[in-house]
N, C-alpha and C. Protein backbone atom coordinates (compact mmCIF):
# COMPACT_ATOMS: atom_id res chain seq x y z
N PRO A 1 -5.19 -11.35 -14.79
CA PRO A 1 -4.81 -11.60 -13.27
C PRO A 1 -3.55 -10.85 -12.99
N THR A 2 -3.36 -10.62 -11.76
CA THR A 2 -2.10 -10.04 -11.27
C THR A 2 -1.47 -10.77 -10.12
N HIS A 3 -0.22 -10.35 -9.90
CA HIS A 3 0.29 -10.94 -8.80
C HIS A 3 1.22 -9.84 -8.18
N GLY A 4 1.78 -10.03 -7.03
CA GLY A 4 2.56 -9.09 -6.21
C GLY A 4 1.50 -7.72 -5.81
N HIS A 5 0.38 -7.83 -5.73
CA HIS A 5 -0.30 -6.77 -5.45
C HIS A 5 -0.72 -6.79 -3.94
N ALA A 6 -1.20 -5.91 -3.52
CA ALA A 6 -1.69 -5.88 -1.92
C ALA A 6 -3.07 -5.64 -1.79
N ALA A 7 -3.55 -6.19 -0.57
CA ALA A 7 -4.79 -5.90 -0.43
C ALA A 7 -5.29 -5.68 1.19
N VAL A 8 -6.30 -5.03 1.47
CA VAL A 8 -6.81 -4.69 2.91
C VAL A 8 -8.32 -4.35 2.81
N VAL A 9 -8.88 -4.80 3.87
CA VAL A 9 -10.19 -4.76 4.11
C VAL A 9 -10.65 -3.34 4.88
N PHE A 10 -11.35 -2.62 4.33
CA PHE A 10 -11.71 -1.22 5.02
C PHE A 10 -13.31 -1.02 4.76
N GLU A 11 -13.68 -0.66 5.70
CA GLU A 11 -15.33 -0.43 5.72
C GLU A 11 -16.24 -1.43 4.78
N ASN A 12 -16.09 -2.71 4.89
CA ASN A 12 -16.66 -3.69 4.63
C ASN A 12 -16.38 -3.89 2.77
N ARG A 13 -14.96 -3.33 2.55
CA ARG A 13 -14.68 -3.43 1.06
C ARG A 13 -13.23 -3.86 1.09
N ILE A 14 -12.87 -4.68 0.08
CA ILE A 14 -11.45 -4.90 -0.14
C ILE A 14 -10.89 -4.01 -1.27
N TYR A 15 -10.03 -3.50 -0.61
CA TYR A 15 -9.10 -2.84 -1.69
C TYR A 15 -7.92 -3.30 -2.02
N ILE A 16 -7.65 -3.09 -3.43
CA ILE A 16 -6.42 -3.83 -4.10
C ILE A 16 -5.67 -2.95 -4.77
N THR A 17 -4.25 -2.58 -4.48
CA THR A 17 -3.39 -1.91 -5.11
C THR A 17 -2.36 -2.62 -5.70
N GLY A 18 -1.85 -2.12 -6.94
CA GLY A 18 -0.59 -2.30 -7.58
C GLY A 18 -0.42 -3.80 -8.08
N GLY A 19 0.87 -4.32 -8.09
CA GLY A 19 0.95 -5.50 -8.64
C GLY A 19 1.43 -5.58 -9.95
N LYS A 20 1.51 -6.59 -10.59
CA LYS A 20 1.96 -6.94 -11.99
C LYS A 20 1.08 -7.73 -12.94
N SER A 21 0.80 -7.48 -14.02
CA SER A 21 -0.31 -8.09 -14.82
C SER A 21 0.57 -9.54 -15.45
N SER A 22 -0.14 -10.63 -15.27
CA SER A 22 0.30 -11.85 -15.70
C SER A 22 0.18 -11.85 -17.30
N GLU A 23 -0.80 -11.16 -17.70
CA GLU A 23 -0.90 -11.15 -19.09
C GLU A 23 0.06 -10.17 -19.95
N THR A 24 0.56 -9.06 -19.49
CA THR A 24 1.62 -8.22 -19.91
C THR A 24 2.78 -8.28 -19.18
N PRO A 25 3.66 -9.39 -19.21
CA PRO A 25 4.82 -9.44 -18.32
C PRO A 25 5.83 -8.36 -18.44
N SER A 26 5.72 -7.91 -19.80
CA SER A 26 6.91 -7.05 -20.15
C SER A 26 6.54 -5.52 -19.54
N LEU A 27 5.47 -5.32 -19.10
CA LEU A 27 4.95 -3.94 -18.48
C LEU A 27 5.69 -3.90 -17.02
N ALA A 28 5.88 -2.87 -16.65
CA ALA A 28 6.15 -2.58 -15.20
C ALA A 28 5.08 -2.78 -14.33
N ALA A 29 5.36 -2.53 -12.90
CA ALA A 29 4.40 -2.63 -12.13
C ALA A 29 3.25 -1.89 -12.28
N LEU A 30 2.16 -1.93 -11.66
CA LEU A 30 0.90 -1.11 -11.95
C LEU A 30 0.65 0.02 -10.66
N THR A 31 -0.24 0.84 -11.16
CA THR A 31 -0.46 2.01 -10.31
C THR A 31 -2.20 1.86 -10.05
N ASP A 32 -2.44 0.62 -10.29
CA ASP A 32 -4.10 0.60 -10.01
C ASP A 32 -4.63 0.40 -8.68
N CYS A 33 -5.73 0.98 -8.46
CA CYS A 33 -6.41 0.89 -7.07
C CYS A 33 -7.80 0.65 -7.46
N TYR A 34 -8.26 -0.62 -6.78
CA TYR A 34 -9.69 -1.16 -7.06
C TYR A 34 -10.38 -1.55 -5.75
N THR A 35 -11.62 -1.35 -5.54
CA THR A 35 -12.45 -1.72 -4.58
C THR A 35 -13.32 -3.05 -4.93
N TYR A 36 -13.60 -3.76 -4.20
CA TYR A 36 -14.45 -5.11 -4.38
C TYR A 36 -15.45 -4.88 -3.40
N ASP A 37 -16.68 -4.76 -3.65
CA ASP A 37 -17.83 -4.95 -2.74
C ASP A 37 -18.78 -5.84 -3.02
N PRO A 38 -19.02 -6.88 -2.18
CA PRO A 38 -19.71 -8.02 -2.45
C PRO A 38 -21.05 -7.63 -3.17
N ASP A 39 -21.99 -6.48 -2.76
CA ASP A 39 -23.13 -6.05 -3.19
C ASP A 39 -22.80 -5.24 -4.44
N ASP A 40 -21.85 -4.77 -4.71
CA ASP A 40 -21.56 -3.72 -5.92
C ASP A 40 -20.52 -4.15 -6.75
N ASN A 41 -19.69 -5.28 -6.60
CA ASN A 41 -18.75 -5.72 -7.56
C ASN A 41 -17.47 -4.86 -7.52
N VAL A 42 -16.77 -4.68 -8.53
CA VAL A 42 -15.39 -4.11 -8.70
C VAL A 42 -15.68 -2.42 -9.17
N THR A 43 -14.92 -1.67 -8.48
CA THR A 43 -14.84 -0.38 -8.72
C THR A 43 -13.38 0.23 -8.84
N HIS A 44 -13.13 0.86 -9.95
CA HIS A 44 -11.60 1.55 -10.05
C HIS A 44 -11.56 2.69 -9.34
N LYS A 45 -10.67 3.20 -8.51
CA LYS A 45 -10.53 4.14 -7.89
C LYS A 45 -9.28 4.87 -8.49
N ARG A 46 -8.80 5.89 -7.86
CA ARG A 46 -7.75 6.84 -8.55
C ARG A 46 -6.55 6.08 -8.45
N HIS A 47 -5.66 6.26 -9.39
CA HIS A 47 -4.46 5.46 -9.55
C HIS A 47 -3.36 5.98 -8.43
N MET A 48 -2.33 5.03 -7.87
CA MET A 48 -1.49 5.47 -6.86
C MET A 48 -0.69 6.37 -7.97
N LYS A 49 0.34 7.33 -6.98
CA LYS A 49 1.27 8.17 -7.81
C LYS A 49 2.44 7.19 -8.27
N PHE A 50 2.59 6.17 -7.59
CA PHE A 50 4.09 5.24 -8.11
C PHE A 50 3.61 4.00 -8.51
N ARG A 51 4.14 3.09 -9.18
CA ARG A 51 4.03 1.88 -9.67
C ARG A 51 4.85 1.22 -8.39
N ARG A 52 3.99 -0.13 -8.04
CA ARG A 52 4.20 -0.93 -6.97
C ARG A 52 3.93 -2.18 -7.18
N LYS A 53 4.97 -3.11 -6.66
CA LYS A 53 4.57 -4.72 -6.79
C LYS A 53 5.40 -5.15 -5.69
N GLY A 54 4.74 -6.20 -4.77
CA GLY A 54 5.72 -6.50 -3.43
C GLY A 54 5.38 -5.77 -2.52
N HIS A 55 4.38 -5.05 -2.46
CA HIS A 55 4.29 -3.89 -1.57
C HIS A 55 3.11 -4.17 -0.28
N ALA A 56 3.18 -3.28 0.52
CA ALA A 56 2.26 -3.60 1.80
C ALA A 56 1.22 -2.60 1.90
N MET A 57 -0.03 -2.77 2.45
CA MET A 57 -1.14 -1.93 2.53
C MET A 57 -1.69 -2.32 3.77
N CYS A 58 -1.96 -1.21 4.45
CA CYS A 58 -3.06 -1.37 5.99
C CYS A 58 -3.82 -0.04 5.99
N ALA A 59 -4.88 -0.19 6.78
CA ALA A 59 -5.50 0.80 7.15
C ALA A 59 -5.48 1.35 8.75
N LEU A 60 -5.70 2.63 8.57
CA LEU A 60 -5.52 3.25 9.99
C LEU A 60 -6.06 4.59 9.95
N ARG A 61 -6.95 4.65 10.89
CA ARG A 61 -8.01 5.94 11.08
C ARG A 61 -8.48 6.52 9.80
N GLY A 62 -9.19 5.52 9.27
CA GLY A 62 -9.92 6.10 7.87
C GLY A 62 -9.18 6.26 6.73
N LYS A 63 -7.95 5.83 6.79
CA LYS A 63 -6.95 6.04 5.40
C LYS A 63 -6.17 4.78 5.15
N LEU A 64 -5.83 4.51 3.89
CA LEU A 64 -5.15 3.46 3.53
C LEU A 64 -3.74 3.99 3.38
N TYR A 65 -2.69 3.18 3.88
CA TYR A 65 -1.15 3.23 3.66
C TYR A 65 -0.51 2.16 2.84
N VAL A 66 0.30 2.65 1.84
CA VAL A 66 0.83 1.83 0.96
C VAL A 66 2.38 2.09 0.94
N LEU A 67 3.26 1.09 1.47
CA LEU A 67 4.58 1.19 1.71
C LEU A 67 5.24 0.22 0.92
N GLY A 68 6.41 0.52 0.46
CA GLY A 68 7.35 -0.19 -0.18
C GLY A 68 6.91 -0.59 -1.72
N GLY A 69 7.40 -1.60 -2.41
CA GLY A 69 6.78 -2.05 -3.74
C GLY A 69 8.06 -2.53 -4.72
N GLY A 70 9.09 -3.08 -4.16
CA GLY A 70 9.94 -3.90 -5.03
C GLY A 70 10.76 -2.74 -5.80
N GLU A 71 10.39 -1.56 -5.94
CA GLU A 71 11.10 -0.56 -6.58
C GLU A 71 11.06 0.68 -5.49
N ILE A 72 12.12 1.33 -5.64
CA ILE A 72 12.35 2.45 -4.47
C ILE A 72 11.38 3.63 -4.56
N THR A 73 10.52 3.66 -3.88
CA THR A 73 9.37 4.73 -3.98
C THR A 73 8.72 5.26 -2.76
N PRO A 74 8.44 6.47 -2.41
CA PRO A 74 7.95 7.04 -1.33
C PRO A 74 6.53 6.17 -0.77
N ALA A 75 6.45 6.12 0.43
CA ALA A 75 4.94 5.40 0.79
C ALA A 75 3.81 6.58 0.25
N GLU A 76 2.78 6.01 0.24
CA GLU A 76 1.62 6.77 -0.06
C GLU A 76 0.55 6.66 0.87
N CYS A 77 -0.39 7.60 1.05
CA CYS A 77 -1.63 7.47 1.82
C CYS A 77 -2.58 7.65 0.97
N TYR A 78 -3.75 7.00 1.26
CA TYR A 78 -5.02 7.20 0.35
C TYR A 78 -6.22 7.52 1.16
N ASP A 79 -7.04 8.48 0.90
CA ASP A 79 -8.22 8.75 1.34
C ASP A 79 -9.40 8.49 0.70
N PRO A 80 -10.07 7.12 0.87
CA PRO A 80 -11.09 6.59 0.26
C PRO A 80 -12.47 7.60 0.33
N ARG A 81 -12.59 8.36 1.03
CA ARG A 81 -13.79 9.22 0.86
C ARG A 81 -13.36 10.32 -0.16
N GLN A 82 -12.28 10.76 -0.15
CA GLN A 82 -12.13 11.87 -1.35
C GLN A 82 -11.41 11.07 -2.58
N ASP A 83 -11.10 10.00 -2.46
CA ASP A 83 -10.51 9.35 -3.78
C ASP A 83 -9.10 10.02 -4.19
N MET A 84 -8.36 10.34 -3.01
CA MET A 84 -7.01 11.15 -3.26
C MET A 84 -5.91 10.44 -2.40
N TRP A 85 -4.81 10.47 -3.33
CA TRP A 85 -3.67 9.87 -2.81
C TRP A 85 -2.59 10.97 -2.68
N TRP A 86 -1.61 10.98 -1.63
CA TRP A 86 -0.38 11.87 -1.32
C TRP A 86 0.82 10.99 -1.00
N THR A 87 1.91 11.52 -1.05
CA THR A 87 3.10 10.86 -0.40
C THR A 87 3.46 11.04 0.90
N ILE A 88 4.24 10.26 1.66
CA ILE A 88 4.25 10.27 3.10
C ILE A 88 5.97 10.54 3.22
N PRO A 89 6.55 11.64 3.40
CA PRO A 89 7.88 11.78 3.81
C PRO A 89 8.36 10.93 4.76
N GLY A 90 9.54 10.41 4.60
CA GLY A 90 10.54 9.52 5.45
C GLY A 90 10.02 8.06 5.40
N LEU A 91 9.25 7.59 4.54
CA LEU A 91 8.92 6.24 4.22
C LEU A 91 9.26 5.82 2.88
N ASP A 92 10.59 5.84 2.38
CA ASP A 92 10.92 5.58 1.20
C ASP A 92 12.05 4.70 1.32
N GLY A 93 12.24 4.21 0.27
CA GLY A 93 13.29 3.21 0.06
C GLY A 93 13.29 1.78 0.69
N LEU A 94 12.00 1.31 0.81
CA LEU A 94 11.77 0.05 1.42
C LEU A 94 11.57 -1.20 0.87
N GLY A 95 11.43 -1.07 -0.63
CA GLY A 95 11.51 -2.32 -1.46
C GLY A 95 10.44 -3.07 -1.06
N ARG A 96 10.45 -4.50 -1.15
CA ARG A 96 9.46 -5.26 -0.82
C ARG A 96 9.48 -5.19 0.86
N VAL A 97 8.00 -5.33 1.21
CA VAL A 97 7.94 -5.39 2.48
C VAL A 97 6.60 -5.62 2.94
N SER A 98 6.45 -6.08 4.28
CA SER A 98 5.39 -6.48 4.95
C SER A 98 4.92 -5.41 5.89
N ALA A 99 3.67 -5.28 6.35
CA ALA A 99 3.36 -4.23 7.35
C ALA A 99 1.89 -4.68 8.05
N ALA A 100 1.86 -4.14 9.34
CA ALA A 100 0.66 -4.36 10.03
C ALA A 100 0.60 -3.14 11.04
N VAL A 101 -0.67 -2.98 11.39
CA VAL A 101 -0.89 -1.86 12.28
C VAL A 101 -1.48 -2.44 13.80
N VAL A 102 -0.67 -1.77 14.76
CA VAL A 102 -0.80 -2.20 16.27
C VAL A 102 -1.22 -1.06 16.94
N LYS A 103 -2.06 -0.57 17.44
CA LYS A 103 -2.16 0.57 18.60
C LYS A 103 -2.12 1.89 17.87
N ASP A 104 -2.65 2.04 16.52
CA ASP A 104 -2.20 3.20 15.66
C ASP A 104 -0.76 3.65 15.20
N VAL A 105 0.03 2.45 15.04
CA VAL A 105 1.21 2.56 14.42
C VAL A 105 1.22 1.58 13.63
N ILE A 106 2.13 1.93 12.62
CA ILE A 106 2.45 0.97 11.30
C ILE A 106 3.98 0.43 11.78
N TYR A 107 3.63 -0.82 11.68
CA TYR A 107 4.99 -1.78 12.02
C TYR A 107 5.27 -2.45 10.63
N PHE A 108 6.64 -2.48 10.19
CA PHE A 108 6.82 -3.04 8.99
C PHE A 108 8.16 -3.78 9.09
N LEU A 109 8.31 -4.87 8.18
CA LEU A 109 9.57 -5.49 8.06
C LEU A 109 10.12 -5.56 6.42
N PRO A 110 11.06 -4.83 6.07
CA PRO A 110 11.55 -4.81 4.81
C PRO A 110 12.04 -6.61 4.45
N GLU A 111 11.95 -6.63 3.26
CA GLU A 111 12.52 -8.10 2.84
C GLU A 111 13.64 -8.71 3.40
N GLU A 112 14.86 -7.71 3.01
CA GLU A 112 16.24 -8.20 3.47
C GLU A 112 16.69 -7.97 4.84
N SER A 113 15.49 -7.64 5.74
CA SER A 113 15.95 -7.38 7.13
C SER A 113 15.23 -8.29 8.05
N VAL A 114 15.98 -8.18 9.19
CA VAL A 114 15.53 -9.23 10.32
C VAL A 114 14.85 -8.05 11.64
N GLN A 115 15.10 -6.85 11.22
CA GLN A 115 14.59 -5.78 12.14
C GLN A 115 13.36 -5.11 12.16
N VAL A 116 12.32 -5.57 12.90
CA VAL A 116 11.09 -4.67 12.72
C VAL A 116 11.24 -3.13 12.82
N GLU A 117 10.69 -2.43 12.05
CA GLU A 117 10.42 -0.78 12.31
C GLU A 117 9.28 -0.45 12.41
N TYR A 118 9.12 0.72 12.75
CA TYR A 118 7.58 1.49 12.99
C TYR A 118 7.60 2.89 12.44
N PHE A 119 6.37 3.18 12.14
CA PHE A 119 6.15 4.61 11.51
C PHE A 119 5.01 5.32 12.31
N ASP A 120 5.18 6.20 13.24
CA ASP A 120 4.14 6.77 13.89
C ASP A 120 3.62 7.79 12.98
N ILE A 121 2.18 7.70 12.52
CA ILE A 121 1.62 8.64 11.60
C ILE A 121 1.50 10.17 12.41
N ASP A 122 1.17 10.16 13.57
CA ASP A 122 1.30 11.45 14.30
C ASP A 122 2.49 12.28 14.25
N THR A 123 3.64 11.82 14.69
CA THR A 123 4.86 12.24 14.91
C THR A 123 5.67 12.41 13.43
N GLY A 124 5.45 11.48 12.57
CA GLY A 124 6.16 11.14 11.42
C GLY A 124 7.51 10.53 11.68
N GLU A 125 7.67 9.91 12.97
CA GLU A 125 8.76 9.16 13.37
C GLU A 125 9.06 7.78 12.82
N ARG A 126 10.00 7.42 12.40
CA ARG A 126 10.30 6.12 11.83
C ARG A 126 11.39 5.56 12.82
N ALA A 127 11.43 4.35 13.28
CA ALA A 127 12.35 4.04 14.23
C ALA A 127 12.34 2.31 14.21
N ARG A 128 13.55 1.80 14.83
CA ARG A 128 13.53 0.36 14.90
C ARG A 128 13.34 -0.03 16.49
């Protein structure tokens, strides 16, 4: 079992990333990425580039976006069709965070903040 992971539904599958293992608490956060398909069970996907726990994940335009994670790491984007991860410039230093998508824009709230921020994937703009 893990805790501190993130999950999102995309194309009738549940994607789960990161977290920390309850069975090995001395280990750092995980880089794991799994999908759960009710018809096909669990499939392990390519690992994220960075260890994360307490992060957020959202789906937008055919890709998954992972932000924050309790450790200061850049955000990442995952393409499920290619099983590939890459980093997103300008979205680092978030720590623990919550996020959601509205009208093709990622809105997020870092844990220690009362100010909602947004990130526009088309322009790369991050603002409050």
